[in-house]
Protein backbone atom coordinates (compact mmCIF):
# COMPACT_ATOMS: atom_id res chain seq x y z
CA UNK A 1 15.83 45.26 -50.89
CA UNK A 2 16.42 41.53 -51.06
CA UNK A 3 15.88 38.93 -53.80
CA UNK A 4 14.56 35.40 -53.41
CA UNK A 5 14.82 34.00 -56.95
CA UNK A 6 12.59 31.15 -58.00
CA UNK A 7 15.47 29.61 -59.98
CA UNK A 8 19.21 30.09 -59.90
CA UNK A 9 20.11 33.57 -61.15
CA UNK A 10 22.55 32.18 -63.73
CA UNK A 11 19.84 29.88 -65.11
CA UNK A 12 17.45 32.83 -65.40
CA UNK A 13 20.10 34.82 -67.27
CA UNK A 14 20.66 31.88 -69.58
CA UNK A 15 16.96 31.74 -70.37
CA UNK A 16 16.26 35.44 -70.81
CA UNK A 17 19.49 36.78 -72.37
CA UNK A 18 18.89 35.29 -75.86
CA UNK A 19 15.32 36.61 -75.95
CA UNK A 20 16.43 40.10 -74.94
CA UNK A 21 19.20 40.02 -77.55
CA UNK A 22 16.72 39.16 -80.32
CA UNK A 23 14.38 41.98 -79.27
CA UNK A 24 17.22 44.54 -79.20
CA UNK A 25 18.49 43.36 -82.61
CA UNK A 26 15.06 43.82 -84.19
CA UNK A 27 14.76 47.31 -82.70
CA UNK A 28 18.17 48.48 -83.93
CA UNK A 29 18.07 47.18 -87.51
CA UNK A 30 16.76 49.43 -90.34
CA UNK A 31 13.03 49.91 -90.28
CA UNK A 32 11.13 47.58 -92.56
CA UNK A 33 7.55 46.74 -93.08
CA UNK A 34 6.33 44.83 -90.00
CA UNK A 35 5.64 45.46 -86.33
CA UNK A 36 6.30 49.10 -85.32
CA UNK A 37 9.23 50.02 -83.10
CA UNK A 38 7.04 50.86 -80.12
CA UNK A 39 5.58 47.36 -80.18
CA UNK A 40 9.00 45.74 -79.93
CA UNK A 41 9.93 48.14 -77.13
CA UNK A 42 6.82 47.06 -75.26
CA UNK A 43 7.75 43.40 -75.74
CA UNK A 44 11.24 44.10 -74.40
CA UNK A 45 9.74 45.68 -71.28
CA UNK A 46 7.53 42.60 -70.87
CA UNK A 47 10.54 40.27 -71.01
CA UNK A 48 12.46 42.32 -68.45
CA UNK A 49 9.38 42.39 -66.19
CA UNK A 50 9.15 38.59 -66.31
CA UNK A 51 12.82 38.37 -65.34
CA UNK A 52 12.31 40.73 -62.38
CA UNK A 53 9.20 38.82 -61.29
CA UNK A 54 11.15 35.54 -61.14
CA UNK A 55 13.84 37.24 -59.04
CA UNK A 56 11.14 37.84 -56.38
CA UNK A 57 12.30 41.19 -55.01
CA UNK A 58 11.13 42.20 -51.56
CA UNK A 59 11.66 44.51 -48.63
CA UNK A 60 12.54 42.84 -45.31
CA UNK A 61 10.23 43.71 -42.45
CA UNK A 62 10.83 43.59 -38.70
CA UNK A 63 13.64 41.12 -38.19
CA UNK A 64 13.70 38.49 -35.47
CA UNK A 65 16.03 35.70 -34.50
CA UNK A 66 15.03 32.06 -34.48
CA UNK A 67 16.00 29.95 -31.49
CA UNK A 68 17.30 26.51 -32.45
CA UNK A 69 17.54 23.54 -30.08
CA UNK A 70 20.54 21.35 -30.75
CA UNK A 71 19.18 18.29 -28.95
CA UNK A 72 17.81 14.79 -29.55
CA UNK A 73 14.32 14.01 -28.23
CA UNK A 74 13.00 10.47 -27.89
CA UNK A 75 9.23 10.02 -27.58
CA UNK A 76 7.98 6.78 -25.99
CA UNK A 77 4.26 6.24 -26.65
CA UNK A 78 1.94 3.57 -25.23
CA UNK A 79 -0.11 1.92 -28.03
CA UNK A 80 -1.92 -0.73 -26.01
CA UNK A 81 -5.72 -0.95 -26.16
CA UNK A 82 -6.01 1.31 -23.11
CA UNK A 83 -4.55 4.31 -25.00
CA UNK A 84 -7.93 4.72 -26.76
CA UNK A 85 -9.92 4.58 -23.52
CA UNK A 86 -12.49 7.37 -23.72
CA UNK A 87 -11.80 9.57 -20.71
CA UNK A 88 -9.81 12.44 -22.27
CA UNK A 89 -11.65 15.76 -22.36
CA UNK A 90 -14.91 14.02 -21.59
CA UNK A 91 -15.34 10.99 -23.80
CA UNK A 92 -12.50 11.38 -26.28
CA UNK A 93 -9.71 8.77 -26.59
CA UNK A 94 -6.51 9.33 -24.66
CA UNK A 95 -4.55 9.15 -27.90
CA UNK A 96 -5.97 12.58 -28.84
CA UNK A 97 -4.28 14.05 -25.77
CA UNK A 98 -1.00 12.33 -26.63
CA UNK A 99 -1.04 13.79 -30.14
CA UNK A 100 -1.79 17.29 -28.85
CA UNK A 101 1.04 17.16 -26.31
CA UNK A 102 3.58 15.90 -28.84
CA UNK A 103 2.63 18.74 -31.17
CA UNK A 104 3.31 21.16 -28.31
CA UNK A 105 6.72 19.56 -27.75
CA UNK A 106 7.60 19.90 -31.44
CA UNK A 107 6.69 23.58 -31.28
CA UNK A 108 8.65 24.13 -28.06
CA UNK A 109 11.97 22.73 -29.32
CA UNK A 110 12.62 23.97 -32.88
CA UNK A 111 15.58 22.43 -34.64
CA UNK A 112 15.60 19.30 -32.48
CA UNK A 113 15.80 15.77 -33.81
CA UNK A 114 12.93 13.46 -32.87
CA UNK A 115 12.64 9.69 -32.57
CA UNK A 116 9.40 7.78 -31.97
CA UNK A 117 9.19 4.50 -30.01
CA UNK A 118 5.83 2.79 -29.51
CA UNK A 119 5.08 -0.20 -27.32
CA UNK A 120 2.29 -2.69 -26.62
CA UNK A 121 3.25 -6.37 -26.32
CA UNK A 122 6.63 -5.38 -27.81
CA UNK A 123 8.54 -2.18 -28.46
CA UNK A 124 8.98 -0.78 -31.96
CA UNK A 125 11.13 2.08 -33.29
CA UNK A 126 8.59 3.78 -35.56
CA UNK A 127 10.79 6.71 -36.52
CA UNK A 128 14.57 7.08 -36.04
CA UNK A 129 16.08 10.43 -35.10
CA UNK A 130 15.16 13.04 -37.69
CA UNK A 131 14.50 16.76 -38.00
CA UNK A 132 11.54 16.04 -40.29
CA UNK A 133 8.72 16.93 -37.92
CA UNK A 134 6.19 16.47 -40.72
CA UNK A 135 7.08 12.78 -40.84
CA UNK A 136 6.69 12.61 -37.06
CA UNK A 137 3.24 14.17 -37.05
CA UNK A 138 2.19 11.96 -39.98
CA UNK A 139 3.29 8.88 -38.03
CA UNK A 140 1.18 9.99 -35.07
CA UNK A 141 -1.84 10.68 -37.28
CA UNK A 142 -1.90 7.08 -38.52
CA UNK A 143 -0.98 5.59 -35.14
CA UNK A 144 -3.42 2.93 -33.98
CA UNK A 145 -3.40 0.62 -30.93
CA UNK A 146 -2.73 -3.09 -31.23
CA UNK A 147 -5.47 -5.35 -32.57
CA UNK A 148 -7.60 -6.37 -29.61
CA UNK A 149 -7.91 -10.03 -30.60
CA UNK A 150 -4.10 -10.35 -30.67
CA UNK A 151 -3.48 -8.62 -27.34
CA UNK A 152 -1.77 -10.79 -24.72
CA UNK A 153 -1.00 -8.21 -22.05
CA UNK A 154 1.74 -5.60 -21.89
CA UNK A 155 4.37 -4.15 -19.61
CA UNK A 156 4.87 -0.42 -19.04
CA UNK A 157 8.63 -0.97 -19.16
CA UNK A 158 8.86 -3.10 -22.32
CA UNK A 159 10.47 -0.19 -24.19
CA UNK A 160 13.28 0.30 -21.66
CA UNK A 161 15.92 -1.60 -23.66
CA UNK A 162 15.04 0.02 -26.97
CA UNK A 163 15.14 3.46 -25.36
CA UNK A 164 18.58 2.74 -23.90
CA UNK A 165 19.88 1.55 -27.28
CA UNK A 166 18.49 4.62 -29.06
CA UNK A 167 20.05 7.03 -26.57
CA UNK A 168 23.38 5.21 -26.69
CA UNK A 169 23.53 5.39 -30.49
CA UNK A 170 22.63 9.08 -30.39
CA UNK A 171 25.35 9.81 -27.83
CA UNK A 172 27.98 7.97 -29.87
CA UNK A 173 27.07 9.65 -33.16
CA UNK A 174 26.55 13.17 -31.74
CA UNK A 175 28.20 13.48 -28.32
CA UNK A 176 27.82 17.27 -28.29
CA UNK A 177 24.02 17.14 -28.51
CA UNK A 178 21.87 16.88 -25.42
CA UNK A 179 19.17 14.20 -25.09
CA UNK A 180 15.61 14.42 -23.78
CA UNK A 181 13.05 11.67 -23.14
CA UNK A 182 9.26 12.01 -22.95
CA UNK A 183 7.10 9.03 -21.92
CA UNK A 184 3.34 8.94 -22.70
CA UNK A 185 1.07 6.29 -21.14
CA UNK A 186 -1.47 5.31 -18.51
CA UNK A 187 0.81 3.09 -16.37
CA UNK A 188 -1.36 -0.06 -16.57
CA UNK A 189 0.68 -3.25 -16.14
CA UNK A 190 -1.38 -6.09 -17.67
CA UNK A 191 1.04 -8.97 -18.27
CA UNK A 192 1.42 -9.90 -14.60
CA UNK A 193 5.19 -9.35 -14.51
CA UNK A 194 7.36 -6.76 -12.80
CA UNK A 195 7.92 -3.73 -15.07
CA UNK A 196 11.38 -3.35 -16.58
CA UNK A 197 13.50 -0.51 -15.22
CA UNK A 198 14.49 2.60 -17.18
CA UNK A 199 17.47 3.27 -14.91
CA UNK A 200 19.99 2.46 -17.66
CA UNK A 201 18.75 5.48 -19.64
CA UNK A 202 19.02 7.95 -16.78
CA UNK A 203 22.69 8.86 -17.33
CA UNK A 204 21.99 9.52 -21.02
CA UNK A 205 18.93 11.69 -20.33
CA UNK A 206 19.46 15.41 -19.73
CA UNK A 207 15.80 16.38 -19.38
CA UNK A 208 12.30 15.24 -20.24
CA UNK A 209 9.09 14.16 -18.58
CA UNK A 210 6.59 11.36 -17.97
CA UNK A 211 2.99 12.19 -18.87
CA UNK A 212 0.07 10.15 -17.53
CA UNK A 213 -3.33 9.88 -19.26
CA UNK A 214 -6.58 8.59 -17.83
CA UNK A 215 -8.80 8.95 -14.77
CA UNK A 216 -9.46 7.00 -11.62
CA UNK A 217 -13.01 6.31 -12.82
CA UNK A 218 -11.61 4.85 -16.01
CA UNK A 219 -12.81 4.94 -19.61
CA UNK A 220 -14.36 2.38 -21.94
CA UNK A 221 -12.08 0.99 -24.66
CA UNK A 222 -13.19 0.36 -28.23
CA UNK A 223 -12.29 -2.84 -30.00
CA UNK A 224 -9.51 -2.46 -32.55
CA UNK A 225 -10.00 -4.77 -35.54
CA UNK A 226 -7.15 -3.55 -37.73
CA UNK A 227 -9.49 -3.04 -40.69
CA UNK A 228 -8.47 -0.70 -43.47
CA UNK A 229 -11.77 1.17 -43.27
CA UNK A 230 -11.10 2.14 -39.65
CA UNK A 231 -14.32 0.54 -38.44
CA UNK A 232 -14.52 -1.04 -35.00
CA UNK A 233 -16.57 -3.78 -33.45
CA UNK A 234 -17.92 -1.93 -30.44
CA UNK A 235 -16.34 -1.91 -26.98
CA UNK A 236 -14.21 -4.43 -25.15
CA UNK A 237 -16.45 -6.42 -22.80
CA UNK A 238 -15.71 -7.75 -19.31
CA UNK A 239 -18.31 -9.73 -17.38
CA UNK A 240 -21.12 -8.44 -19.57
CA UNK A 241 -20.18 -4.75 -19.37
CA UNK A 242 -17.76 -2.37 -21.06
CA UNK A 243 -14.25 -2.97 -19.78
CA UNK A 244 -12.63 0.17 -18.39
CA UNK A 245 -9.01 1.27 -18.20
CA UNK A 246 -7.85 3.11 -15.08
CA UNK A 247 -4.66 5.17 -14.78
CA UNK A 248 -1.89 3.79 -12.56
CA UNK A 249 0.05 6.83 -11.43
CA UNK A 250 2.27 4.79 -9.12
CA UNK A 251 3.92 3.03 -12.05
CA UNK A 252 4.24 6.30 -13.95
CA UNK A 253 5.89 8.00 -10.98
CA UNK A 254 8.36 5.12 -10.72
CA UNK A 255 9.31 5.49 -14.38
CA UNK A 256 9.86 9.23 -13.87
CA UNK A 257 12.14 8.57 -10.92
CA UNK A 258 14.12 5.98 -12.89
CA UNK A 259 14.69 8.45 -15.75
CA UNK A 260 15.39 11.36 -13.41
CA UNK A 261 12.57 13.52 -14.78
CA UNK A 262 9.26 14.87 -13.45
CA UNK A 263 5.84 13.25 -13.72
CA UNK A 264 2.70 15.12 -14.84
CA UNK A 265 -0.88 13.92 -14.86
CA UNK A 266 -2.33 15.26 -18.09
CA UNK A 267 -5.88 16.55 -18.52
CA UNK A 268 -7.39 18.54 -21.35
CA UNK A 269 -7.91 21.66 -19.22
CA UNK A 270 -4.39 21.68 -17.72
CA UNK A 271 -1.52 23.48 -19.39
CA UNK A 272 1.42 21.34 -20.41
CA UNK A 273 4.61 22.19 -18.52
CA UNK A 274 7.78 21.45 -20.44
CA UNK A 275 11.36 21.69 -19.16
CA UNK A 276 13.77 24.15 -20.71
CA UNK A 277 16.19 22.79 -23.25
CA UNK A 278 19.74 22.41 -21.88
CA UNK A 279 21.46 25.80 -22.22
CA UNK A 280 24.58 24.27 -23.77
CA UNK A 281 22.56 23.19 -26.80
CA UNK A 282 20.32 26.20 -27.24
CA UNK A 283 21.50 28.93 -29.57
CA UNK A 284 20.33 31.29 -32.24
CA UNK A 285 20.06 29.84 -35.71
CA UNK A 286 23.06 30.23 -37.99
CA UNK A 287 20.89 31.82 -40.64
CA UNK A 288 20.86 34.98 -38.52
CA UNK A 289 17.99 37.40 -38.57
CA UNK A 290 14.85 36.48 -40.42
CA UNK A 291 11.49 38.12 -40.57
CA UNK A 292 8.47 38.95 -42.68
CA UNK A 293 9.31 40.09 -46.19
CA UNK A 294 7.08 42.45 -48.17
CA UNK A 295 6.94 40.86 -51.61
CA UNK A 296 7.28 43.19 -54.61
CA UNK A 297 7.14 40.70 -57.47
CA UNK A 298 3.45 41.47 -57.93
CA UNK A 299 4.38 44.88 -59.39
CA UNK A 300 6.30 43.22 -62.23
CA UNK A 301 3.46 40.73 -62.66
CA UNK A 302 0.98 43.60 -63.01
CA UNK A 303 3.16 45.18 -65.74
CA UNK A 304 3.24 41.87 -67.62
CA UNK A 305 -0.54 41.54 -67.41
CA UNK A 306 -1.10 45.09 -68.73
CA UNK A 307 1.29 44.60 -71.65
CA UNK A 308 -0.30 41.27 -72.51
CA UNK A 309 -3.67 43.00 -72.54
CA UNK A 310 -2.31 45.52 -75.10
CA UNK A 311 -0.98 42.67 -77.25
CA UNK A 312 -4.33 40.89 -77.15
CA UNK A 313 -6.22 44.08 -78.02
CA UNK A 314 -3.92 44.73 -80.99
CA UNK A 315 -4.29 41.14 -82.21
CA UNK A 316 -8.08 41.40 -81.98
CA UNK A 317 -8.09 44.61 -84.04
CA UNK A 318 -5.91 43.01 -86.72
CA UNK A 319 -8.20 40.01 -87.00
CA UNK A 320 -11.26 42.27 -87.29
CA UNK A 321 -9.55 44.35 -89.99
CA UNK A 322 -8.68 41.26 -92.00
CA UNK A 323 -12.30 40.13 -91.92
CA UNK A 324 -13.47 43.51 -93.18
CA UNK A 325 -11.00 43.38 -96.09
CA UNK A 326 -12.10 39.92 -97.14
CA UNK A 327 -15.82 40.78 -97.21
CA UNK A 328 -15.72 43.47 -100.09
CA UNK A 329 -13.31 41.39 -102.13
CA UNK A 330 -15.66 38.45 -102.08
CA UNK A 331 -18.58 40.71 -103.15
CA UNK A 332 -16.68 42.20 -106.16
CA UNK A 333 -15.82 38.82 -107.54
CA UNK A 334 -19.40 37.62 -107.36
CA UNK A 335 -20.74 40.80 -109.10
CA UNK A 336 -18.38 40.37 -112.03
CA UNK A 337 -19.55 36.89 -112.70
CA UNK A 338 -22.36 36.73 -115.33
CA UNK A 339 -25.22 34.44 -114.78
CA UNK A 340 -25.05 31.37 -117.01
CA UNK A 341 -27.42 31.19 -119.93
CA UNK A 342 -30.03 28.59 -119.94
CA UNK A 343 -29.82 25.77 -122.40
CA UNK A 344 -33.13 26.85 -123.97
CA UNK A 345 -31.79 30.32 -124.81
CA UNK A 346 -28.62 28.90 -126.37
CA UNK A 347 -30.61 26.59 -128.67
CA UNK A 348 -33.03 29.28 -129.86
CA UNK A 349 -32.47 30.60 -133.42
CA UNK A 350 -30.74 33.93 -133.66
CA UNK A 351 -33.77 35.50 -135.33
CA UNK A 352 -35.93 34.65 -132.35
CA UNK A 353 -33.64 36.28 -129.82
CA UNK A 354 -34.07 39.86 -128.87
CA UNK A 355 -33.39 42.56 -131.39
CA UNK A 356 -30.70 43.99 -129.21
CA UNK A 357 -28.92 40.66 -129.05
CA UNK A 358 -29.22 40.14 -132.79
CA UNK A 359 -27.55 43.47 -133.46
CA UNK A 360 -24.71 42.66 -131.11
CA UNK A 361 -24.00 39.24 -132.55
CA UNK A 362 -22.12 38.96 -135.80
CA UNK A 363 -22.80 35.84 -137.82
CA UNK A 364 -19.72 34.71 -139.65
CA UNK A 365 -20.21 33.91 -143.38
CA UNK A 366 -18.06 31.30 -144.85
CA UNK A 367 -17.09 31.93 -148.53
CA UNK A 368 -15.86 29.03 -150.58
CA UNK A 369 -12.82 29.83 -152.76
CA UNK A 370 -14.43 28.24 -155.81
CA UNK A 371 -17.25 30.78 -155.87
CA UNK A 372 -14.87 33.71 -156.30
CA UNK A 373 -12.90 32.23 -159.19
CA UNK A 374 -14.07 33.00 -162.83
CA UNK A 375 -15.57 30.23 -164.81
CA UNK A 376 -12.95 30.48 -167.52
CA UNK A 377 -9.24 30.48 -167.00
CA UNK A 378 -7.12 33.49 -167.69
CA UNK A 379 -5.19 33.66 -170.91
């Protein structure tokens, strides 16, 4: 059996020990009028059950070992207008395919650090090296191409210098870690210049891949307005028709050769092929064996619920008993009260009242002292 406490064990002891001590003290002192002994024993069991529940006991199931990749992975993503061309899996934007492939890479290399570089007219380090894959996926979810009205052409190699700098910094800070590079784009060179070379990054790259998105027929591109509501203004027009982006696999193959990695043309129905992580940086996690745990805290929780139900039932009975005791007492007081006499009856002469009342009422007679004295004085 193992324990996975919700709080530190010492903090739990600090919280529960005084309560247990009070309950034991009440149970051991001489019996007095109050809650019976069995009730305090039940409360003590409830306290102990709460303590056990917060310890979260469990039985480990089939154990496995987790493979950790001690490597740095840099993702270079094209965010020009053509990345939302609608020729992925039918008429979906290419960016959907990029997101799906990056998720597969995250799943393939657990424990790796990831950095995200995007490029359009300029390169931008969106996310420095981190093991927080949630932050990476969140960055991809909100990723949008450049605003169409501000686009002035782009180069497929504009991110070469930033990639080289990122890999150099990673190698200096963690020389024992391997480095992988994955490039995602369509290969379109639209600024009229010669693409920059990625050759400087080749010696710092142990593995990776270049992934191409798009078709030879091309896909229409939606206008990107940059509005907060995510609305668009239709499709980019060229000579009265929807402008289309076409993949340039020649440029993508050149980038792969410069980095020393393989090129893959990506489609929705093709399985992604990823290289194995360098063996020198792949090992089992230091945490050792982990696996599914059969939780047992629910047993203690069930005991607490049952005991609370007994407490509530007892409290309800006491309240009902108190109400029954108050009802007869209120009736006795009202029966002993005599009804007030009316003013008319009080002002009636005594002779006119009932015979029975006249017999019960004694009329006091006042005797003056002068009437009892003799007329003459005593000699």
